[in-house]
Amino acid sequence: MKHAGFNIARALIILTVFLGLLSGCRNKVDFEQFGGFSVKYLDNGCKEVTDGIGRKLLLAPWGYKVREKYAKADIIRIPVKKVVVYSTYNAALIKVLGHVNSIDGVVTKKQDWYIPEIRKGIDQGRIVYLGQSTSIDYERLRSLKPDVVFTWDEGIVPKLEELSIPCVVTTTRIARDLSAHINFIRFIAAFYGDEHQAKVFAGSQFEKIKKISARLSRARKKPTVIWGDIYARKVQVEPGNSWAGQMVGDAGGDYLFRNLEGST
């Protein structure tokens, strides 16, 4: 009887440990999807990301020997230390993560920046203005030796591949909805290893929107809103499936193009 009791106790301990391990495995997230972007967590601290045009890139820790067959321009060492950004929005997300000092190159002039650290960096020569997006100074870009270029211009991908400079396309051909737009910081965070911080930040933004939307739902009037850009010969508007169109609805407005779907 003593042996039987001992065996039962031992079996219960083994079962408890097994269930604990199983629970841990289930709680471990190995894939995240944010609209058209994704992060797949691999072994040895590596990650495979999919950018806005479907390119798969390997994020590998510094010093890790990559044995998989990836082109040089498709391997990005993490956490990134030197980056070039096209979008002021992406720069703002990087600042939220606490890594604004990793920005070494931009394509927006100093007077158009509202981030003090970047304006100061350009003044001091620490951050390089590489020219307009349509006429990048590739020699200066190459001399910066960035770990990655975050760009909305997929047209520069072939040139950067030729220069063996990794790049990530941060826009998609279909408009990002509000969830993907807010969670995009979690995609950027994968390059810095700050996923938890980004998840907390995104969650706080959703909570703010939820509270504001609840208050505005009681409003009697719903103003009709158009969101877009006016150019010399054309007007571009955000479709109803975009984050901008959805924000208007959450803010108590009536978005004029709410039934229009398309790219941003």
Foldseek 3Di string as FASTA:
>chain_A
DVVVVVVVVVVVVVVVVVVVVVVVVVPDDQKDDQPQKIWGADPPRKIWIAFQEGDIAIEHEPPDDDPDDDQLLRYFYPLWQAEEEEDLVVLVLCVLLVRNLNYAEYQDDLVPHPDVVVNVCVVVVSHYHQYHPVDGPVVVVLVSLGSEYEACDPVCVVVCSVSSHHYGNHFHFWARAQRSVLLVSLVVCSSHVRNVSSVVRSVVVVVVLVVQLVVLVPDPDAAEDWAWDDDPPDIDTDALRHNVNVSSVSNRHHYPRNVGTGGD
